Amino acid sequence: MRTLIVYGTKHGATKKVVDMLKEKIAGEVSIVNAKEKTECDIKSFDVVIIGSSIYIGAIRKEVKKFIRSNLEEILSRKIGLFLVSGGSEEIESYYKKNFPEELLKKAKAKGYFGFSYDGEGYNAMERMVLKEIAKKAMVKEKFEKKNMDDFLNSLQINEGTYNEEG
C-alpha cells in the first residue's frame, strides 16, 4: 500500500503531525509540503491524506491550490483529511468552508489532531494572541493521538497505536 501525505503548515505544527502519522502508517509513505510542490503523480498512490493548519478560519492557500490542481486524481483514491488548530469547536465548519463538497463526501476519514504553539516565527500580533490563549489553556502543545489512531484505522492503514505516553 502506498500513501501520499500532502500538507501545509505556517509554524510547523502540521509537519509534527505528519511525522507522527508517518510512523504509524503501514506500507510506503511519501510526504509533500504543498508550499514546495504542487504537482504530484497521485495515480501511483492508493491513499491520499491531505492536512493543513487553520489560520484565521482558513486552511493554507498552498493546500487549496494543490487540491484545485489535482482534484480529479485525488477523488480516484482513498482519501483522508485532517486539520491542526487550537480550537476544536469549529472544526466541522472549517471543513465545510475550506474543502470542496465532493472531496468531503468521498473522504473515508476526517480528523482533528490538536495544536502546537512554540512561539518560534510568530509576529507581534500572533504572539499577543498566543499569550491570551496560553493564559486560558496553560498548555503549548496538545496532539490528539487517539484521534490519529482512529483516523488511520478508518483508512485501514494503521500499523500501530499510540500509548498514553506517546
N, C-alpha and C. Protein backbone atom coordinates (compact mmCIF):
# COMPACT_ATOMS: atom_id res chain seq x y z
N MET A 1 0.86 -1.17 0.00
CA MET A 1 0.00 0.00 0.00
C MET A 1 0.90 1.23 0.00
N ARG A 2 0.60 2.17 -0.88
CA ARG A 2 1.36 3.41 -0.98
C ARG A 2 0.49 4.58 -0.55
N THR A 3 1.00 5.39 0.37
CA THR A 3 0.25 6.52 0.91
C THR A 3 1.00 7.81 0.63
N LEU A 4 0.26 8.81 0.17
CA LEU A 4 0.79 10.15 -0.03
C LEU A 4 0.18 11.06 1.02
N ILE A 5 1.05 11.81 1.72
CA ILE A 5 0.57 12.82 2.66
C ILE A 5 0.98 14.18 2.11
N VAL A 6 -0.02 15.02 1.85
CA VAL A 6 0.21 16.39 1.37
C VAL A 6 -0.22 17.32 2.50
N TYR A 7 0.63 18.29 2.82
CA TYR A 7 0.30 19.15 3.95
C TYR A 7 0.73 20.59 3.71
N GLY A 8 0.15 21.47 4.52
CA GLY A 8 0.56 22.87 4.57
C GLY A 8 0.65 23.28 6.03
N THR A 9 1.66 24.07 6.35
CA THR A 9 1.88 24.48 7.73
C THR A 9 2.39 25.91 7.77
N LYS A 10 2.02 26.64 8.78
CA LYS A 10 2.51 28.01 8.93
C LYS A 10 3.70 28.06 9.88
N HIS A 11 3.58 27.36 11.01
CA HIS A 11 4.64 27.41 12.02
C HIS A 11 5.20 26.04 12.39
N GLY A 12 4.82 25.00 11.67
CA GLY A 12 5.43 23.69 11.88
C GLY A 12 4.61 22.66 12.62
N ALA A 13 3.47 23.01 13.19
CA ALA A 13 2.67 22.03 13.93
C ALA A 13 2.15 20.92 13.02
N THR A 14 1.73 21.28 11.83
CA THR A 14 1.20 20.27 10.90
C THR A 14 2.30 19.30 10.48
N LYS A 15 3.50 19.80 10.31
CA LYS A 15 4.64 18.93 9.98
C LYS A 15 4.89 17.94 11.12
N LYS A 16 4.76 18.38 12.37
CA LYS A 16 4.92 17.47 13.50
C LYS A 16 3.89 16.35 13.42
N VAL A 17 2.65 16.70 13.10
CA VAL A 17 1.59 15.70 12.96
C VAL A 17 1.92 14.73 11.83
N VAL A 18 2.34 15.26 10.70
CA VAL A 18 2.69 14.41 9.55
C VAL A 18 3.76 13.40 9.95
N ASP A 19 4.76 13.84 10.67
CA ASP A 19 5.83 12.92 11.11
C ASP A 19 5.28 11.84 12.04
N MET A 20 4.34 12.21 12.93
CA MET A 20 3.73 11.21 13.81
C MET A 20 2.89 10.21 13.01
N LEU A 21 2.13 10.71 12.04
CA LEU A 21 1.33 9.81 11.21
C LEU A 21 2.22 8.85 10.43
N LYS A 22 3.28 9.37 9.86
CA LYS A 22 4.17 8.53 9.04
C LYS A 22 4.68 7.34 9.84
N GLU A 23 5.00 7.55 11.10
CA GLU A 23 5.48 6.46 11.96
C GLU A 23 4.47 5.33 12.10
N LYS A 24 3.20 5.64 11.98
CA LYS A 24 2.13 4.66 12.25
C LYS A 24 1.50 4.05 11.00
N ILE A 25 1.87 4.55 9.83
CA ILE A 25 1.23 4.07 8.60
C ILE A 25 1.97 2.85 8.06
N ALA A 26 1.20 1.81 7.78
CA ALA A 26 1.76 0.61 7.17
C ALA A 26 2.06 0.88 5.69
N GLY A 27 3.14 0.32 5.20
CA GLY A 27 3.48 0.46 3.78
C GLY A 27 4.34 1.68 3.51
N GLU A 28 4.49 1.98 2.24
CA GLU A 28 5.33 3.09 1.80
C GLU A 28 4.59 4.42 1.95
N VAL A 29 5.30 5.43 2.48
CA VAL A 29 4.70 6.75 2.69
C VAL A 29 5.58 7.81 2.03
N SER A 30 4.95 8.67 1.22
CA SER A 30 5.63 9.83 0.63
C SER A 30 4.99 11.08 1.20
N ILE A 31 5.83 12.08 1.50
CA ILE A 31 5.34 13.32 2.09
C ILE A 31 5.64 14.48 1.16
N VAL A 32 4.64 15.33 0.95
CA VAL A 32 4.79 16.50 0.09
C VAL A 32 4.33 17.74 0.85
N ASN A 33 5.23 18.70 0.99
CA ASN A 33 4.86 20.01 1.52
C ASN A 33 4.28 20.79 0.35
N ALA A 34 3.01 21.12 0.40
CA ALA A 34 2.32 21.77 -0.72
C ALA A 34 2.93 23.13 -1.07
N LYS A 35 3.63 23.72 -0.15
CA LYS A 35 4.28 25.01 -0.43
C LYS A 35 5.47 24.82 -1.37
N GLU A 36 6.06 23.65 -1.33
CA GLU A 36 7.24 23.36 -2.13
C GLU A 36 6.93 22.64 -3.44
N LYS A 37 5.78 21.96 -3.50
CA LYS A 37 5.48 21.14 -4.68
C LYS A 37 3.97 21.08 -4.89
N THR A 38 3.51 21.52 -6.06
CA THR A 38 2.07 21.47 -6.33
C THR A 38 1.69 20.34 -7.29
N GLU A 39 2.65 19.77 -7.98
CA GLU A 39 2.39 18.67 -8.89
C GLU A 39 2.89 17.36 -8.28
N CYS A 40 2.12 16.30 -8.49
CA CYS A 40 2.48 15.01 -7.92
C CYS A 40 1.78 13.91 -8.71
N ASP A 41 2.43 12.76 -8.86
CA ASP A 41 1.83 11.63 -9.57
C ASP A 41 0.91 10.87 -8.62
N ILE A 42 -0.27 11.39 -8.43
CA ILE A 42 -1.21 10.82 -7.46
C ILE A 42 -1.65 9.42 -7.86
N LYS A 43 -1.65 9.14 -9.15
CA LYS A 43 -2.09 7.82 -9.62
C LYS A 43 -1.24 6.68 -9.07
N SER A 44 -0.03 6.98 -8.64
CA SER A 44 0.84 5.91 -8.13
C SER A 44 0.59 5.61 -6.64
N PHE A 45 -0.40 6.28 -6.05
CA PHE A 45 -0.71 6.07 -4.62
C PHE A 45 -2.10 5.47 -4.45
N ASP A 46 -2.23 4.66 -3.39
CA ASP A 46 -3.52 4.06 -3.06
C ASP A 46 -4.34 4.98 -2.16
N VAL A 47 -3.63 5.70 -1.28
CA VAL A 47 -4.27 6.57 -0.29
C VAL A 47 -3.66 7.96 -0.40
N VAL A 48 -4.52 8.99 -0.33
CA VAL A 48 -4.05 10.37 -0.29
C VAL A 48 -4.59 11.00 0.98
N ILE A 49 -3.67 11.50 1.81
CA ILE A 49 -4.03 12.20 3.04
C ILE A 49 -3.65 13.66 2.85
N ILE A 50 -4.59 14.56 3.13
CA ILE A 50 -4.34 16.00 2.98
C ILE A 50 -4.59 16.66 4.33
N GLY A 51 -3.60 17.43 4.78
CA GLY A 51 -3.73 18.09 6.08
C GLY A 51 -3.24 19.51 6.05
N SER A 52 -3.81 20.32 6.93
CA SER A 52 -3.42 21.73 6.99
C SER A 52 -3.68 22.29 8.37
N SER A 53 -2.90 23.31 8.67
CA SER A 53 -3.21 24.12 9.84
C SER A 53 -4.35 25.06 9.47
N ILE A 54 -5.00 25.57 10.48
CA ILE A 54 -6.05 26.57 10.30
C ILE A 54 -5.49 27.90 10.78
N TYR A 55 -5.64 28.92 9.97
CA TYR A 55 -5.18 30.25 10.36
C TYR A 55 -6.26 31.24 9.96
N ILE A 56 -6.84 31.89 10.95
CA ILE A 56 -7.96 32.81 10.76
C ILE A 56 -9.08 32.12 9.97
N GLY A 57 -9.39 30.90 10.36
CA GLY A 57 -10.50 30.15 9.79
C GLY A 57 -10.25 29.48 8.45
N ALA A 58 -9.04 29.58 7.92
CA ALA A 58 -8.76 29.04 6.59
C ALA A 58 -7.58 28.07 6.60
N ILE A 59 -7.66 27.08 5.70
CA ILE A 59 -6.51 26.20 5.51
C ILE A 59 -5.47 26.96 4.69
N ARG A 60 -4.28 26.44 4.64
CA ARG A 60 -3.19 27.07 3.91
C ARG A 60 -3.53 27.19 2.43
N LYS A 61 -3.23 28.32 1.83
CA LYS A 61 -3.57 28.55 0.43
C LYS A 61 -2.87 27.57 -0.50
N GLU A 62 -1.67 27.12 -0.14
CA GLU A 62 -0.97 26.16 -0.99
C GLU A 62 -1.67 24.80 -0.99
N VAL A 63 -2.35 24.47 0.09
CA VAL A 63 -3.12 23.22 0.13
C VAL A 63 -4.36 23.36 -0.76
N LYS A 64 -5.03 24.50 -0.67
CA LYS A 64 -6.18 24.74 -1.55
C LYS A 64 -5.76 24.64 -3.02
N LYS A 65 -4.61 25.21 -3.34
CA LYS A 65 -4.11 25.18 -4.72
C LYS A 65 -3.81 23.74 -5.14
N PHE A 66 -3.19 22.96 -4.27
CA PHE A 66 -2.89 21.56 -4.57
C PHE A 66 -4.18 20.80 -4.86
N ILE A 67 -5.18 21.01 -4.03
CA ILE A 67 -6.45 20.33 -4.22
C ILE A 67 -7.08 20.73 -5.56
N ARG A 68 -7.13 22.03 -5.83
CA ARG A 68 -7.70 22.50 -7.11
C ARG A 68 -6.98 21.89 -8.31
N SER A 69 -5.66 21.85 -8.24
CA SER A 69 -4.86 21.36 -9.37
C SER A 69 -4.97 19.85 -9.56
N ASN A 70 -5.34 19.12 -8.53
CA ASN A 70 -5.29 17.65 -8.59
C ASN A 70 -6.60 16.98 -8.19
N LEU A 71 -7.69 17.73 -8.13
CA LEU A 71 -8.93 17.20 -7.56
C LEU A 71 -9.40 15.92 -8.22
N GLU A 72 -9.41 15.86 -9.52
CA GLU A 72 -9.92 14.67 -10.21
C GLU A 72 -9.13 13.43 -9.83
N GLU A 73 -7.81 13.53 -9.81
CA GLU A 73 -6.98 12.39 -9.43
C GLU A 73 -7.14 12.04 -7.95
N ILE A 74 -7.25 13.06 -7.10
CA ILE A 74 -7.43 12.81 -5.66
C ILE A 74 -8.72 12.02 -5.44
N LEU A 75 -9.78 12.41 -6.14
CA LEU A 75 -11.08 11.75 -5.96
C LEU A 75 -11.06 10.28 -6.37
N SER A 76 -10.07 9.86 -7.14
CA SER A 76 -9.99 8.47 -7.57
C SER A 76 -9.24 7.59 -6.56
N ARG A 77 -8.79 8.16 -5.46
CA ARG A 77 -8.03 7.45 -4.43
C ARG A 77 -8.86 7.35 -3.14
N LYS A 78 -8.37 6.56 -2.20
CA LYS A 78 -8.92 6.56 -0.84
C LYS A 78 -8.39 7.84 -0.18
N ILE A 79 -9.27 8.62 0.46
CA ILE A 79 -8.92 9.97 0.92
C ILE A 79 -9.10 10.11 2.43
N GLY A 80 -8.13 10.80 3.05
CA GLY A 80 -8.23 11.22 4.44
C GLY A 80 -7.89 12.70 4.52
N LEU A 81 -8.63 13.44 5.33
CA LEU A 81 -8.40 14.88 5.52
C LEU A 81 -8.20 15.14 7.01
N PHE A 82 -7.23 16.02 7.34
CA PHE A 82 -7.07 16.37 8.74
C PHE A 82 -6.73 17.84 8.90
N LEU A 83 -7.06 18.35 10.10
CA LEU A 83 -6.81 19.74 10.44
C LEU A 83 -6.05 19.83 11.76
N VAL A 84 -5.21 20.86 11.85
CA VAL A 84 -4.47 21.16 13.07
C VAL A 84 -4.88 22.58 13.46
N SER A 85 -5.40 22.72 14.68
CA SER A 85 -5.94 24.01 15.10
C SER A 85 -6.01 24.08 16.61
N GLY A 86 -5.92 25.29 17.14
CA GLY A 86 -6.02 25.49 18.58
C GLY A 86 -7.40 25.25 19.14
N GLY A 87 -8.42 25.32 18.32
CA GLY A 87 -9.78 25.13 18.81
C GLY A 87 -10.50 24.05 18.04
N SER A 88 -11.09 23.11 18.75
CA SER A 88 -11.78 22.01 18.08
C SER A 88 -13.27 22.29 17.87
N GLU A 89 -13.78 23.37 18.47
CA GLU A 89 -15.22 23.64 18.45
C GLU A 89 -15.74 23.89 17.03
N GLU A 90 -14.93 24.48 16.18
CA GLU A 90 -15.41 24.88 14.86
C GLU A 90 -14.85 24.01 13.73
N ILE A 91 -14.34 22.83 14.05
CA ILE A 91 -13.68 22.00 13.04
C ILE A 91 -14.61 21.66 11.88
N GLU A 92 -15.83 21.25 12.17
CA GLU A 92 -16.76 20.90 11.07
C GLU A 92 -16.99 22.09 10.14
N SER A 93 -17.13 23.27 10.70
CA SER A 93 -17.34 24.45 9.85
C SER A 93 -16.08 24.76 9.04
N TYR A 94 -14.90 24.49 9.59
CA TYR A 94 -13.65 24.68 8.83
C TYR A 94 -13.60 23.72 7.64
N TYR A 95 -14.03 22.48 7.86
CA TYR A 95 -14.06 21.53 6.74
C TYR A 95 -14.99 22.04 5.64
N LYS A 96 -16.20 22.41 6.01
CA LYS A 96 -17.19 22.86 5.02
C LYS A 96 -16.74 24.11 4.29
N LYS A 97 -16.08 25.01 5.00
CA LYS A 97 -15.63 26.27 4.41
C LYS A 97 -14.44 26.10 3.48
N ASN A 98 -13.58 25.12 3.75
CA ASN A 98 -12.28 25.06 3.09
C ASN A 98 -12.08 23.94 2.06
N PHE A 99 -12.92 22.93 2.09
CA PHE A 99 -12.72 21.80 1.17
C PHE A 99 -13.91 21.67 0.23
N PRO A 100 -13.65 21.29 -1.03
CA PRO A 100 -14.76 21.08 -1.97
C PRO A 100 -15.72 20.00 -1.46
N GLU A 101 -16.99 20.21 -1.70
CA GLU A 101 -18.02 19.28 -1.20
C GLU A 101 -17.78 17.85 -1.66
N GLU A 102 -17.39 17.67 -2.93
CA GLU A 102 -17.17 16.31 -3.44
C GLU A 102 -15.99 15.62 -2.74
N LEU A 103 -15.01 16.39 -2.32
CA LEU A 103 -13.88 15.84 -1.58
C LEU A 103 -14.32 15.41 -0.17
N LEU A 104 -15.13 16.24 0.47
CA LEU A 104 -15.65 15.89 1.80
C LEU A 104 -16.51 14.63 1.74
N LYS A 105 -17.33 14.51 0.72
CA LYS A 105 -18.20 13.33 0.58
C LYS A 105 -17.40 12.06 0.35
N LYS A 106 -16.31 12.17 -0.39
CA LYS A 106 -15.50 10.99 -0.76
C LYS A 106 -14.52 10.59 0.34
N ALA A 107 -14.20 11.50 1.24
CA ALA A 107 -13.21 11.22 2.29
C ALA A 107 -13.67 10.08 3.20
N LYS A 108 -12.81 9.09 3.38
CA LYS A 108 -13.09 7.96 4.28
C LYS A 108 -12.83 8.34 5.73
N ALA A 109 -11.99 9.38 5.91
CA ALA A 109 -11.66 9.80 7.28
C ALA A 109 -11.42 11.30 7.30
N LYS A 110 -11.89 11.92 8.40
CA LYS A 110 -11.58 13.32 8.68
C LYS A 110 -11.11 13.36 10.13
N GLY A 111 -10.07 14.14 10.38
CA GLY A 111 -9.55 14.18 11.74
C GLY A 111 -9.17 15.56 12.20
N TYR A 112 -9.27 15.74 13.51
CA TYR A 112 -8.75 16.92 14.18
C TYR A 112 -7.65 16.43 15.10
N PHE A 113 -6.42 16.97 14.94
CA PHE A 113 -5.28 16.41 15.64
C PHE A 113 -4.62 17.33 16.65
N GLY A 114 -5.26 18.43 17.03
CA GLY A 114 -4.73 19.26 18.10
C GLY A 114 -3.92 20.45 17.61
N PHE A 115 -2.93 20.85 18.44
CA PHE A 115 -2.21 22.09 18.16
C PHE A 115 -0.84 22.08 18.80
N SER A 116 -0.03 23.04 18.39
CA SER A 116 1.27 23.30 18.99
C SER A 116 1.59 24.77 18.79
N TYR A 117 1.91 25.44 19.88
CA TYR A 117 2.32 26.84 19.83
C TYR A 117 3.69 26.94 20.48
N ASP A 118 4.74 26.97 19.70
CA ASP A 118 6.06 27.02 20.30
C ASP A 118 6.64 28.43 20.39
N GLY A 119 5.96 29.40 19.79
CA GLY A 119 6.41 30.79 19.87
C GLY A 119 7.46 31.17 18.85
N GLU A 120 7.97 30.21 18.10
CA GLU A 120 9.01 30.48 17.09
C GLU A 120 8.37 31.01 15.81
N GLY A 121 8.92 32.08 15.28
CA GLY A 121 8.49 32.59 13.98
C GLY A 121 7.17 33.35 13.97
N TYR A 122 6.64 33.67 15.12
CA TYR A 122 5.37 34.38 15.19
C TYR A 122 5.62 35.89 15.16
N ASN A 123 4.72 36.63 14.50
CA ASN A 123 4.84 38.09 14.52
C ASN A 123 4.27 38.61 15.84
N ALA A 124 4.39 39.92 16.06
CA ALA A 124 3.98 40.51 17.34
C ALA A 124 2.51 40.27 17.65
N MET A 125 1.65 40.42 16.66
CA MET A 125 0.21 40.21 16.88
C MET A 125 -0.07 38.75 17.23
N GLU A 126 0.56 37.82 16.54
CA GLU A 126 0.36 36.40 16.83
C GLU A 126 0.85 36.06 18.24
N ARG A 127 1.98 36.61 18.64
CA ARG A 127 2.50 36.36 20.00
C ARG A 127 1.52 36.88 21.05
N MET A 128 0.92 38.04 20.81
CA MET A 128 -0.04 38.61 21.74
C MET A 128 -1.26 37.68 21.88
N VAL A 129 -1.78 37.20 20.76
CA VAL A 129 -2.91 36.28 20.79
C VAL A 129 -2.53 34.99 21.51
N LEU A 130 -1.34 34.47 21.23
CA LEU A 130 -0.89 33.24 21.87
C LEU A 130 -0.75 33.38 23.38
N LYS A 131 -0.33 34.55 23.84
CA LYS A 131 -0.24 34.78 25.28
C LYS A 131 -1.61 34.65 25.93
N GLU A 132 -2.63 35.18 25.26
CA GLU A 132 -4.00 35.09 25.78
C GLU A 132 -4.48 33.64 25.78
N ILE A 133 -4.18 32.93 24.71
CA ILE A 133 -4.57 31.51 24.64
C ILE A 133 -3.86 30.73 25.74
N ALA A 134 -2.57 30.99 25.92
CA ALA A 134 -1.78 30.27 26.92
C ALA A 134 -2.32 30.51 28.33
N LYS A 135 -2.82 31.72 28.60
CA LYS A 135 -3.39 32.01 29.92
C LYS A 135 -4.59 31.11 30.19
N LYS A 136 -5.39 30.88 29.16
CA LYS A 136 -6.59 30.06 29.32
C LYS A 136 -6.27 28.57 29.27
N ALA A 137 -5.44 28.18 28.32
CA ALA A 137 -5.20 26.76 28.10
C ALA A 137 -4.09 26.19 28.98
N MET A 138 -3.13 27.03 29.35
CA MET A 138 -2.00 26.60 30.18
C MET A 138 -1.20 25.47 29.53
N VAL A 139 -1.27 25.32 28.23
CA VAL A 139 -0.52 24.28 27.53
C VAL A 139 -0.12 24.82 26.16
N LYS A 140 1.10 24.50 25.73
CA LYS A 140 1.59 24.99 24.44
C LYS A 140 1.43 23.98 23.33
N GLU A 141 1.22 22.72 23.70
CA GLU A 141 1.10 21.68 22.67
C GLU A 141 0.20 20.57 23.17
N LYS A 142 -0.72 20.20 22.32
CA LYS A 142 -1.59 19.07 22.66
C LYS A 142 -2.02 18.41 21.36
N PHE A 143 -1.45 17.24 21.11
CA PHE A 143 -1.83 16.49 19.93
C PHE A 143 -2.78 15.37 20.34
N GLU A 144 -3.80 15.19 19.54
CA GLU A 144 -4.85 14.20 19.81
C GLU A 144 -4.48 12.87 19.18
N LYS A 145 -3.66 12.10 19.90
CA LYS A 145 -3.13 10.86 19.33
C LYS A 145 -4.19 9.78 19.14
N LYS A 146 -5.19 9.75 20.00
CA LYS A 146 -6.28 8.79 19.80
C LYS A 146 -7.03 9.12 18.51
N ASN A 147 -7.22 10.41 18.26
CA ASN A 147 -7.86 10.82 17.00
C ASN A 147 -7.04 10.37 15.80
N MET A 148 -5.71 10.43 15.94
CA MET A 148 -4.83 9.98 14.85
C MET A 148 -5.01 8.48 14.61
N ASP A 149 -5.04 7.70 15.69
CA ASP A 149 -5.26 6.25 15.56
C ASP A 149 -6.60 5.96 14.89
N ASP A 150 -7.66 6.61 15.34
CA ASP A 150 -8.99 6.40 14.76
C ASP A 150 -8.99 6.76 13.28
N PHE A 151 -8.34 7.85 12.94
CA PHE A 151 -8.23 8.30 11.55
C PHE A 151 -7.55 7.23 10.69
N LEU A 152 -6.39 6.76 11.13
CA LEU A 152 -5.66 5.74 10.37
C LEU A 152 -6.43 4.43 10.30
N ASN A 153 -7.12 4.08 11.38
CA ASN A 153 -7.96 2.87 11.36
C ASN A 153 -9.08 3.00 10.33
N SER A 154 -9.67 4.18 10.23
CA SER A 154 -10.73 4.40 9.24
C SER A 154 -10.23 4.21 7.82
N LEU A 155 -8.97 4.56 7.60
CA LEU A 155 -8.35 4.39 6.28
C LEU A 155 -7.76 3.00 6.10
N GLN A 156 -7.75 2.21 7.17
CA GLN A 156 -7.22 0.84 7.19
C GLN A 156 -5.73 0.82 6.82
N ILE A 157 -4.98 1.77 7.37
CA ILE A 157 -3.53 1.81 7.09
C ILE A 157 -2.72 1.93 8.37
N ASN A 158 -3.33 1.64 9.53
CA ASN A 158 -2.67 1.81 10.82
C ASN A 158 -1.77 0.62 11.11
N GLU A 159 -0.48 0.90 11.33
CA GLU A 159 0.47 -0.15 11.66
C GLU A 159 0.57 -0.38 13.17
N GLY A 160 0.25 0.63 13.95
CA GLY A 160 0.34 0.53 15.40
C GLY A 160 -0.45 1.63 16.05
N THR A 161 -0.61 1.55 17.37
CA THR A 161 -1.36 2.58 18.07
C THR A 161 -0.44 3.33 19.02
N TYR A 162 -0.87 4.52 19.40
CA TYR A 162 -0.15 5.31 20.38
C TYR A 162 -0.52 4.84 21.76
N ASN A 163 0.45 4.84 22.65
CA ASN A 163 0.11 4.56 24.04
C ASN A 163 -0.09 5.88 24.77
N GLU A 164 -0.42 5.82 26.03
CA GLU A 164 -0.71 7.03 26.80
C GLU A 164 0.45 8.02 26.78
N GLU A 165 1.69 7.53 26.83
CA GLU A 165 2.85 8.42 26.90
C GLU A 165 3.22 8.98 25.54
N GLY A 166 2.81 8.40 24.46
CA GLY A 166 3.24 8.96 23.21
C GLY A 166 3.18 8.00 22.11
